[in-house]
Amino acid sequence: MTIPNVEAIADGVFQLKNPVGVLDQSMIDMLISDCRSNIKKRSRINFHQSSSDLVQEMIIAMHRDTDIFVHKHLAKSESFHVLHGEIAVVLFSGNSPDISQVVNLNSSVGTNYYRLSCDLFHLVVPLTEVSIIHETTQGPFEPNSAQIADWSLSDSGNGIVKSIKQTLLRK
């Protein structure tokens, strides 16, 4: 599907080529279709003009089968506004698998916005087949700048993450 002023720049990553960003249904449909079919099971449109912009805004579609690492961003805040579906953001105590809080975000009922203003390890878990969020964070974008939780990279840590996801998906 070709969308005017939207260019594919990597697998699952699209760039808006217009300085006036307007999200429409054709973009949402394209993101949903792309996240269902690509290997990462997520897709995004960058609404910021450049990776060097000081504000980075993205519309992200995530399939419930996507794998997102437990991670944190050093000296950056992030916020999510859920536009479609439901996600959970699991916050951890330090660099350990101990959960300090689970923030449930739902586009239809209850809470649909969250902001993290400190560098806590967290895990984003889509709870519906496809969830769509508007994410805002500080730039510039630096690839691989997120710090992955050490404990989550081991076989036992991977099992803990899978168990957390399964528990959340059953609720």
Foldseek 3Di string as FASTA:
>chain_A
DDDPQWADDDQQEIERNDLDDDDDPVNVVVQCVSLVPTPQSKHKYWNDHALAAFKTKIKMKHFQPGDDFQWWAAQKKKKKFWQAAKKKKFWADDLDLHTPDIDIAGNPDDHGMDMDRHTTGIGIGGQDRMIIIIMMMTDNDDPPRIGGRPQCPDPVNVVSVVVVNVVSNVD
